PDB file of N, CA and C in Angstrom:
ATOM      1  N   MET A   1      42.648 -65.163 -75.208  1.00  0.00           N
ATOM      2  CA  MET A   1      43.440 -66.843 -75.313  1.00  0.00           C
ATOM      3  C   MET A   1      43.834 -66.112 -73.802  1.00  0.00           C
ATOM      4  N   THR A   2      45.003 -67.591 -73.528  1.00  0.00           N
ATOM      5  CA  THR A   2      45.688 -67.397 -72.288  1.00  0.00           C
ATOM      6  C   THR A   2      47.172 -68.511 -72.613  1.00  0.00           C
ATOM      7  N   ILE A   3      48.336 -67.731 -72.334  1.00  0.00           N
ATOM      8  CA  ILE A   3      49.183 -68.180 -72.896  1.00  0.00           C
ATOM      9  C   ILE A   3      49.832 -68.659 -71.331  1.00  0.00           C
ATOM     10  N   ARG A   4      50.296 -69.663 -71.345  1.00  0.00           N
ATOM     11  CA  ARG A   4      51.053 -70.248 -69.692  1.00  0.00           C
ATOM     12  C   ARG A   4      52.455 -70.827 -69.725  1.00  0.00           C
ATOM     13  N   GLY A   5      53.159 -70.270 -68.559  1.00  0.00           N
ATOM     14  CA  GLY A   5      54.581 -70.516 -69.104  1.00  0.00           C
ATOM     15  C   GLY A   5      54.453 -71.855 -68.286  1.00  0.00           C
ATOM     16  N   LEU A   6      55.707 -73.190 -68.594  1.00  0.00           N
ATOM     17  CA  LEU A   6      55.794 -74.153 -67.713  1.00  0.00           C
ATOM     18  C   LEU A   6      56.757 -73.949 -66.716  1.00  0.00           C
ATOM     19  N   ASP A   7      57.531 -73.276 -66.910  1.00  0.00           N
ATOM     20  CA  ASP A   7      58.885 -73.093 -65.793  1.00  0.00           C
ATOM     21  C   ASP A   7      58.420 -72.184 -64.286  1.00  0.00           C
ATOM     22  N   ASN A   8      57.588 -70.914 -64.815  1.00  0.00           N
ATOM     23  CA  ASN A   8      57.388 -69.840 -63.422  1.00  0.00           C
ATOM     24  C   ASN A   8      56.347 -69.739 -63.608  1.00  0.00           C
ATOM     25  N   GLY A   9      55.332 -70.774 -64.053  1.00  0.00           N
ATOM     26  CA  GLY A   9      53.823 -70.836 -63.647  1.00  0.00           C
ATOM     27  C   GLY A   9      53.089 -69.506 -64.313  1.00  0.00           C
ATOM     28  N   GLY A  10      54.183 -68.421 -65.232  1.00  0.00           N
ATOM     29  CA  GLY A  10      53.226 -67.234 -65.416  1.00  0.00           C
ATOM     30  C   GLY A  10      52.429 -67.206 -66.522  1.00  0.00           C
ATOM     31  N   ALA A  11      51.439 -66.113 -66.681  1.00  0.00           N
ATOM     32  CA  ALA A  11      50.514 -66.702 -67.534  1.00  0.00           C
ATOM     33  C   ALA A  11      50.461 -65.316 -68.594  1.00  0.00           C
ATOM     34  N   VAL A  12      49.919 -65.049 -69.418  1.00  0.00           N
ATOM     35  CA  VAL A  12      49.768 -63.818 -70.119  1.00  0.00           C
ATOM     36  C   VAL A  12      48.438 -63.816 -71.227  1.00  0.00           C
ATOM     37  N   PHE A  13      47.276 -62.875 -71.418  1.00  0.00           N
ATOM     38  CA  PHE A  13      46.278 -62.830 -72.301  1.00  0.00           C
ATOM     39  C   PHE A  13      46.680 -62.141 -73.490  1.00  0.00           C
ATOM     40  N   ALA A  14      46.076 -62.949 -74.545  1.00  0.00           N
ATOM     41  CA  ALA A  14      46.622 -62.340 -76.155  1.00  0.00           C
ATOM     42  C   ALA A  14      45.072 -62.381 -76.594  1.00  0.00           C
ATOM     43  N   LEU A  15      45.086 -60.957 -77.674  1.00  0.00           N
ATOM     44  CA  LEU A  15      43.944 -61.103 -78.330  1.00  0.00           C
ATOM     45  C   LEU A  15      43.792 -61.703 -79.331  1.00  0.00           C
ATOM     46  N   THR A  16      42.835 -62.809 -80.058  1.00  0.00           N
ATOM     47  CA  THR A  16      42.754 -63.281 -80.572  1.00  0.00           C
ATOM     48  C   THR A  16      41.264 -62.905 -81.856  1.00  0.00           C
ATOM     49  N   VAL A  17      41.677 -63.699 -82.834  1.00  0.00           N
ATOM     50  CA  VAL A  17      40.198 -63.122 -83.670  1.00  0.00           C
ATOM     51  C   VAL A  17      40.584 -64.370 -84.593  1.00  0.00           C
ATOM     52  N   SER A  18      39.832 -64.384 -85.483  1.00  0.00           N
ATOM     53  CA  SER A  18      39.631 -66.155 -86.609  1.00  0.00           C
ATOM     54  C   SER A  18      40.860 -66.137 -87.311  1.00  0.00           C
ATOM     55  N   ALA A  19      41.838 -67.374 -87.480  1.00  0.00           N
ATOM     56  CA  ALA A  19      42.401 -66.649 -88.765  1.00  0.00           C
ATOM     57  C   ALA A  19      41.717 -66.944 -90.010  1.00  0.00           C
ATOM     58  N   GLU A  20      42.430 -66.240 -90.882  1.00  0.00           N
ATOM     59  CA  GLU A  20      42.057 -66.935 -92.485  1.00  0.00           C
ATOM     60  C   GLU A  20      43.167 -67.970 -92.702  1.00  0.00           C
ATOM     61  N   GLY A  21      43.096 -69.168 -93.542  1.00  0.00           N
ATOM     62  CA  GLY A  21      43.491 -69.312 -94.582  1.00  0.00           C
ATOM     63  C   GLY A  21      42.854 -70.920 -94.221  1.00  0.00           C
ATOM     64  N   SER A  22      44.671 -71.422 -93.685  1.00  0.00           N
ATOM     65  CA  SER A  22      44.293 -73.068 -93.728  1.00  0.00           C
ATOM     66  C   SER A  22      45.850 -73.000 -92.772  1.00  0.00           C
ATOM     67  N   ASP A  23      45.288 -74.239 -92.225  1.00  0.00           N
ATOM     68  CA  ASP A  23      46.642 -75.151 -90.904  1.00  0.00           C
ATOM     69  C   ASP A  23      47.888 -75.046 -92.424  1.00  0.00           C
ATOM     70  N   PRO A  24      49.236 -74.233 -92.051  1.00  0.00           N
ATOM     71  CA  PRO A  24      50.581 -74.747 -92.813  1.00  0.00           C
ATOM     72  C   PRO A  24      50.958 -76.003 -92.726  1.00  0.00           C
ATOM     73  N   ALA A  25      50.150 -76.785 -91.508  1.00  0.00           N
ATOM     74  CA  ALA A  25      50.746 -77.852 -90.906  1.00  0.00           C
ATOM     75  C   ALA A  25      50.000 -78.795 -91.256  1.00  0.00           C
ATOM     76  N   GLY A  26      49.023 -78.571 -92.388  1.00  0.00           N
ATOM     77  CA  GLY A  26      47.805 -79.616 -92.788  1.00  0.00           C
ATOM     78  C   GLY A  26      47.182 -79.970 -91.488  1.00  0.00           C
ATOM     79  N   GLU A  27      46.556 -81.401 -90.822  1.00  0.00           N
ATOM     80  CA  GLU A  27      45.581 -81.463 -90.456  1.00  0.00           C
ATOM     81  C   GLU A  27      46.327 -81.715 -88.904  1.00  0.00           C
ATOM     82  N   ARG A  28      47.504 -81.650 -88.228  1.00  0.00           N
ATOM     83  CA  ARG A  28      47.970 -80.954 -87.124  1.00  0.00           C
ATOM     84  C   ARG A  28      48.315 -79.645 -86.534  1.00  0.00           C
ATOM     85  N   PRO A  29      47.955 -79.769 -85.458  1.00  0.00           N
ATOM     86  CA  PRO A  29      47.687 -78.843 -84.469  1.00  0.00           C
ATOM     87  C   PRO A  29      49.512 -77.967 -84.670  1.00  0.00           C
ATOM     88  N   ALA A  30      49.531 -76.506 -84.691  1.00  0.00           N
ATOM     89  CA  ALA A  30      50.916 -75.789 -84.995  1.00  0.00           C
ATOM     90  C   ALA A  30      50.271 -74.648 -84.769  1.00  0.00           C
ATOM     91  N   LEU A  31      51.688 -73.801 -84.472  1.00  0.00           N
ATOM     92  CA  LEU A  31      51.951 -72.619 -83.552  1.00  0.00           C
ATOM     93  C   LEU A  31      52.977 -71.751 -85.021  1.00  0.00           C
ATOM     94  N   VAL A  32      52.149 -70.369 -85.203  1.00  0.00           N
ATOM     95  CA  VAL A  32      53.371 -70.020 -85.940  1.00  0.00           C
ATOM     96  C   VAL A  32      53.446 -68.397 -85.945  1.00  0.00           C
ATOM     97  N   PHE A  33      54.951 -68.398 -85.875  1.00  0.00           N
ATOM     98  CA  PHE A  33      55.707 -67.509 -85.746  1.00  0.00           C
ATOM     99  C   PHE A  33      56.022 -66.413 -87.091  1.00  0.00           C
ATOM    100  N   VAL A  34      56.362 -65.082 -86.777  1.00  0.00           N
ATOM    101  CA  VAL A  34      56.960 -64.430 -87.383  1.00  0.00           C
ATOM    102  C   VAL A  34      57.959 -63.072 -87.096  1.00  0.00           C
ATOM    103  N   ARG A  35      58.799 -62.990 -87.911  1.00  0.00           N
ATOM    104  CA  ARG A  35      59.534 -62.233 -87.558  1.00  0.00           C
ATOM    105  C   ARG A  35      59.345 -60.793 -87.507  1.00  0.00           C
ATOM    106  N   ASP A  36      59.101 -60.008 -86.464  1.00  0.00           N
ATOM    107  CA  ASP A  36      59.082 -58.922 -86.048  1.00  0.00           C
ATOM    108  C   ASP A  36      60.466 -57.771 -85.788  1.00  0.00           C
ATOM    109  N   GLU A  37      60.817 -57.466 -87.137  1.00  0.00           N
ATOM    110  CA  GLU A  37      62.068 -56.391 -86.192  1.00  0.00           C
ATOM    111  C   GLU A  37      63.406 -57.618 -86.336  1.00  0.00           C
ATOM    112  N   ASN A  38      63.174 -57.419 -84.687  1.00  0.00           N
ATOM    113  CA  ASN A  38      65.270 -58.816 -83.999  1.00  0.00           C
ATOM    114  C   ASN A  38      64.153 -59.097 -83.351  1.00  0.00           C
ATOM    115  N   ARG A  39      62.582 -59.058 -83.192  1.00  0.00           N
ATOM    116  CA  ARG A  39      62.219 -60.683 -82.777  1.00  0.00           C
ATOM    117  C   ARG A  39      61.425 -61.817 -83.361  1.00  0.00           C
ATOM    118  N   TYR A  40      61.249 -62.949 -82.861  1.00  0.00           N
ATOM    119  CA  TYR A  40      60.030 -63.740 -82.913  1.00  0.00           C
ATOM    120  C   TYR A  40      58.413 -63.124 -82.154  1.00  0.00           C
ATOM    121  N   ARG A  41      57.695 -63.584 -83.127  1.00  0.00           N
ATOM    122  CA  ARG A  41      56.068 -63.134 -82.708  1.00  0.00           C
ATOM    123  C   ARG A  41      54.997 -64.173 -82.273  1.00  0.00           C
ATOM    124  N   LEU A  42      54.204 -64.875 -81.907  1.00  0.00           N
ATOM    125  CA  LEU A  42      53.589 -65.646 -81.941  1.00  0.00           C
ATOM    126  C   LEU A  42      52.205 -65.013 -83.315  1.00  0.00           C
ATOM    127  N   SER A  43      51.899 -66.093 -84.164  1.00  0.00           N
ATOM    128  CA  SER A  43      51.318 -64.800 -84.902  1.00  0.00           C
ATOM    129  C   SER A  43      49.634 -65.788 -85.170  1.00  0.00           C
ATOM    130  N   GLN A  44      49.957 -67.188 -85.017  1.00  0.00           N
ATOM    131  CA  GLN A  44      48.856 -67.577 -84.837  1.00  0.00           C
ATOM    132  C   GLN A  44      48.975 -68.957 -84.812  1.00  0.00           C
ATOM    133  N   VAL A  45      47.472 -69.670 -83.943  1.00  0.00           N
ATOM    134  CA  VAL A  45      47.422 -71.110 -82.964  1.00  0.00           C
ATOM    135  C   VAL A  45      46.345 -71.999 -84.153  1.00  0.00           C
ATOM    136  N   TRP A  46      46.918 -72.922 -84.989  1.00  0.00           N
ATOM    137  CA  TRP A  46      46.069 -73.572 -85.618  1.00  0.00           C
ATOM    138  C   TRP A  46      45.497 -74.710 -84.433  1.00  0.00           C
ATOM    139  N   GLU A  47      44.484 -75.235 -84.523  1.00  0.00           N
ATOM    140  CA  GLU A  47      43.508 -76.579 -83.514  1.00  0.00           C
ATOM    141  C   GLU A  47      43.407 -77.825 -84.589  1.00  0.00           C
ATOM    142  N   SER A  48      43.431 -77.811 -86.339  1.00  0.00           N
ATOM    143  CA  SER A  48      43.068 -78.334 -87.138  1.00  0.00           C
ATOM    144  C   SER A  48      43.203 -77.962 -88.238  1.00  0.00           C
ATOM    145  N   SER A  49      42.840 -78.338 -89.131  1.00  0.00           N
ATOM    146  CA  SER A  49      43.138 -77.817 -90.779  1.00  0.00           C
ATOM    147  C   SER A  49      42.526 -76.544 -90.909  1.00  0.00           C
ATOM    148  N   ASP A  50      41.153 -75.949 -90.148  1.00  0.00           N
ATOM    149  CA  ASP A  50      40.434 -74.932 -90.285  1.00  0.00           C
ATOM    150  C   ASP A  50      39.553 -73.951 -89.468  1.00  0.00           C
ATOM    151  N   GLU A  51      40.304 -74.721 -88.032  1.00  0.00           N
ATOM    152  CA  GLU A  51      39.884 -73.805 -86.730  1.00  0.00           C
ATOM    153  C   GLU A  51      41.294 -73.007 -86.334  1.00  0.00           C
ATOM    154  N   GLY A  52      41.287 -71.769 -86.642  1.00  0.00           N
ATOM    155  CA  GLY A  52      42.756 -71.600 -85.760  1.00  0.00           C
ATOM    156  C   GLY A  52      42.461 -69.999 -85.793  1.00  0.00           C
ATOM    157  N   LEU A  53      43.656 -69.461 -84.756  1.00  0.00           N
ATOM    158  CA  LEU A  53      43.402 -68.085 -84.030  1.00  0.00           C
ATOM    159  C   LEU A  53      44.410 -67.515 -84.698  1.00  0.00           C
ATOM    160  N   ALA A  54      44.142 -66.323 -84.967  1.00  0.00           N
ATOM    161  CA  ALA A  54      45.587 -64.864 -85.149  1.00  0.00           C
ATOM    162  C   ALA A  54      45.316 -64.116 -84.151  1.00  0.00           C
ATOM    163  N   VAL A  55      46.947 -64.164 -83.597  1.00  0.00           N
ATOM    164  CA  VAL A  55      47.067 -62.739 -82.507  1.00  0.00           C
ATOM    165  C   VAL A  55      46.688 -61.867 -82.625  1.00  0.00           C
ATOM    166  N   GLU A  56      46.089 -60.994 -81.936  1.00  0.00           N
ATOM    167  CA  GLU A  56      46.519 -59.473 -81.994  1.00  0.00           C
ATOM    168  C   GLU A  56      47.119 -58.819 -81.247  1.00  0.00           C
ATOM    169  N   ASP A  57      47.999 -58.083 -82.059  1.00  0.00           N
ATOM    170  CA  ASP A  57      49.398 -57.217 -80.916  1.00  0.00           C
ATOM    171  C   ASP A  57      48.656 -56.013 -81.384  1.00  0.00           C
ATOM    172  N   PRO A  58      48.242 -54.717 -80.541  1.00  0.00           N
ATOM    173  CA  PRO A  58      47.251 -53.358 -80.621  1.00  0.00           C
ATOM    174  C   PRO A  58      48.573 -53.162 -81.603  1.00  0.00           C
ATOM    175  N   ALA A  59      50.028 -52.848 -80.922  1.00  0.00           N
ATOM    176  CA  ALA A  59      51.321 -51.778 -81.431  1.00  0.00           C
ATOM    177  C   ALA A  59      51.280 -51.985 -82.475  1.00  0.00           C
ATOM    178  N   ILE A  60      51.463 -53.744 -82.960  1.00  0.00           N
ATOM    179  CA  ILE A  60      51.624 -54.026 -84.264  1.00  0.00           C
ATOM    180  C   ILE A  60      50.923 -53.605 -85.430  1.00  0.00           C
ATOM    181  N   VAL A  61      49.996 -54.104 -84.921  1.00  0.00           N
ATOM    182  CA  VAL A  61      48.269 -53.263 -85.778  1.00  0.00           C
ATOM    183  C   VAL A  61      48.791 -51.856 -85.914  1.00  0.00           C
ATOM    184  N   ALA A  62      48.904 -51.024 -85.076  1.00  0.00           N
ATOM    185  CA  ALA A  62      49.187 -49.661 -85.381  1.00  0.00           C
ATOM    186  C   ALA A  62      50.527 -49.300 -86.446  1.00  0.00           C
ATOM    187  N   ARG A  63      51.732 -50.089 -86.362  1.00  0.00           N
ATOM    188  CA  ARG A  63      52.668 -49.724 -86.548  1.00  0.00           C
ATOM    189  C   ARG A  63      52.660 -49.871 -88.122  1.00  0.00           C
ATOM    190  N   GLN A  64      52.047 -51.010 -88.185  1.00  0.00           N
ATOM    191  CA  GLN A  64      51.652 -51.553 -89.847  1.00  0.00           C
ATOM    192  C   GLN A  64      50.640 -50.855 -90.785  1.00  0.00           C
ATOM    193  N   ALA A  65      49.846 -50.205 -89.885  1.00  0.00           N
ATOM    194  CA  ALA A  65      48.447 -49.539 -90.502  1.00  0.00           C
ATOM    195  C   ALA A  65      49.638 -48.152 -91.247  1.00  0.00           C
ATOM    196  N   LYS A  66      50.635 -47.597 -90.197  1.00  0.00           N
ATOM    197  CA  LYS A  66      51.049 -46.310 -90.918  1.00  0.00           C
ATOM    198  C   LYS A  66      52.205 -46.730 -91.860  1.00  0.00           C
ATOM    199  N   ALA A  67      52.936 -47.823 -91.718  1.00  0.00           N
ATOM    200  CA  ALA A  67      53.958 -47.859 -92.836  1.00  0.00           C
ATOM    201  C   ALA A  67      54.004 -47.673 -94.112  1.00  0.00           C
ATOM    202  N   GLU A  68      54.293 -47.912 -95.341  1.00  0.00           N
ATOM    203  CA  GLU A  68      54.009 -48.068 -96.505  1.00  0.00           C
ATOM    204  C   GLU A  68      53.886 -49.739 -96.559  1.00  0.00           C
ATOM    205  N   PRO A  69      53.316 -50.604 -97.243  1.00  0.00           N
ATOM    206  CA  PRO A  69      53.292 -51.707 -98.066  1.00  0.00           C
ATOM    207  C   PRO A  69      54.546 -52.468 -97.990  1.00  0.00           C
ATOM    208  N   ALA A  70      54.983 -53.629 -97.809  1.00  0.00           N
ATOM    209  CA  ALA A  70      56.454 -54.144 -97.378  1.00  0.00           C
ATOM    210  C   ALA A  70      56.686 -54.340 -98.647  1.00  0.00           C
ATOM    211  N   THR A  71      57.718 -54.988 -99.072  1.00  0.00           N
ATOM    212  CA  THR A  71      57.789 -55.203-100.663  1.00  0.00           C
ATOM    213  C   THR A  71      58.224 -56.666-100.458  1.00  0.00           C
ATOM    214  N   THR A  72      58.621 -57.635 -99.677  1.00  0.00           N
ATOM    215  CA  THR A  72      58.998 -58.465 -99.129  1.00  0.00           C
ATOM    216  C   THR A  72      57.480 -59.341 -97.510  1.00  0.00           C
ATOM    217  N   ALA A  73      57.792 -60.771 -98.042  1.00  0.00           N
ATOM    218  CA  ALA A  73      57.290 -60.759 -96.626  1.00  0.00           C
ATOM    219  C   ALA A  73      58.090 -61.195 -95.650  1.00  0.00           C
ATOM    220  N   ALA A  74      57.310 -61.489 -94.548  1.00  0.00           N
ATOM    221  CA  ALA A  74      58.169 -61.568 -92.909  1.00  0.00           C
ATOM    222  C   ALA A  74      58.429 -62.844 -93.200  1.00  0.00           C
ATOM    223  N   PRO A  75      60.074 -63.163 -92.639  1.00  0.00           N
ATOM    224  CA  PRO A  75      60.380 -65.492 -92.144  1.00  0.00           C
ATOM    225  C   PRO A  75      59.064 -65.182 -91.264  1.00  0.00           C
ATOM    226  N   THR A  76      58.692 -66.922 -91.568  1.00  0.00           N
ATOM    227  CA  THR A  76      57.801 -67.134 -90.775  1.00  0.00           C
ATOM    228  C   THR A  76      58.769 -68.758 -90.314  1.00  0.00           C
ATOM    229  N   VAL A  77      57.957 -68.922 -88.965  1.00  0.00           N
ATOM    230  CA  VAL A  77      58.230 -70.207 -88.779  1.00  0.00           C
ATOM    231  C   VAL A  77      57.142 -71.254 -88.155  1.00  0.00           C
ATOM    232  N   VAL A  78      56.908 -72.284 -88.212  1.00  0.00           N
ATOM    233  CA  VAL A  78      55.600 -73.345 -88.197  1.00  0.00           C
ATOM    234  C   VAL A  78      55.883 -73.960 -87.501  1.00  0.00           C
ATOM    235  N   LEU A  79      55.597 -74.445 -86.080  1.00  0.00           N
ATOM    236  CA  LEU A  79      56.120 -75.807 -85.075  1.00  0.00           C
ATOM    237  C   LEU A  79      55.095 -75.832 -85.330  1.00  0.00           C
ATOM    238  N   VAL A  80      54.895 -77.661 -85.169  1.00  0.00           N
ATOM    239  CA  VAL A  80      53.992 -78.296 -85.355  1.00  0.00           C
ATOM    240  C   VAL A  80      54.144 -79.582 -84.187  1.00  0.00           C
ATOM    241  N   ALA A  81      52.752 -79.539 -83.510  1.00  0.00           N
ATOM    242  CA  ALA A  81      52.672 -79.918 -82.791  1.00  0.00           C
ATOM    243  C   ALA A  81      52.773 -82.124 -82.654  1.00  0.00           C
ATOM    244  N   ASN A  82      53.002 -82.293 -81.976  1.00  0.00           N
ATOM    245  CA  ASN A  82      53.387 -83.843 -81.371  1.00  0.00           C
ATOM    246  C   ASN A  82      52.787 -84.468 -80.321  1.00  0.00           C
ATOM    247  N   LEU A  83      51.775 -85.246 -81.095  1.00  0.00           N
ATOM    248  CA  LEU A  83      50.865 -85.538 -80.235  1.00  0.00           C
ATOM    249  C   LEU A  83      50.867 -86.973 -79.548  1.00  0.00           C
ATOM    250  N   LYS A  84      51.002 -87.003 -78.598  1.00  0.00           N
ATOM    251  CA  LYS A  84      50.775 -88.978 -77.886  1.00  0.00           C
ATOM    252  C   LYS A  84      49.763 -89.567 -77.733  1.00  0.00           C
TER     253      LYS A  84
END
């Protein structure tokens, strides 16, 4: 996936896999962010209720594999697209 900035024209590439589950916003496109220590990171991109991509961050995946299971879920923020 390519993510482009609107203001400066910069872009980054993100590794993705098919997301499990369903769109947290129902039928509307959505971006899902999760809190990772002191910042929020893009976690999922949903186009429809059953078509989503999970963003893989190799550093976070490696860190989570070494850590003990968390007792609480990370805070999540869902932004719903407003299509016109």
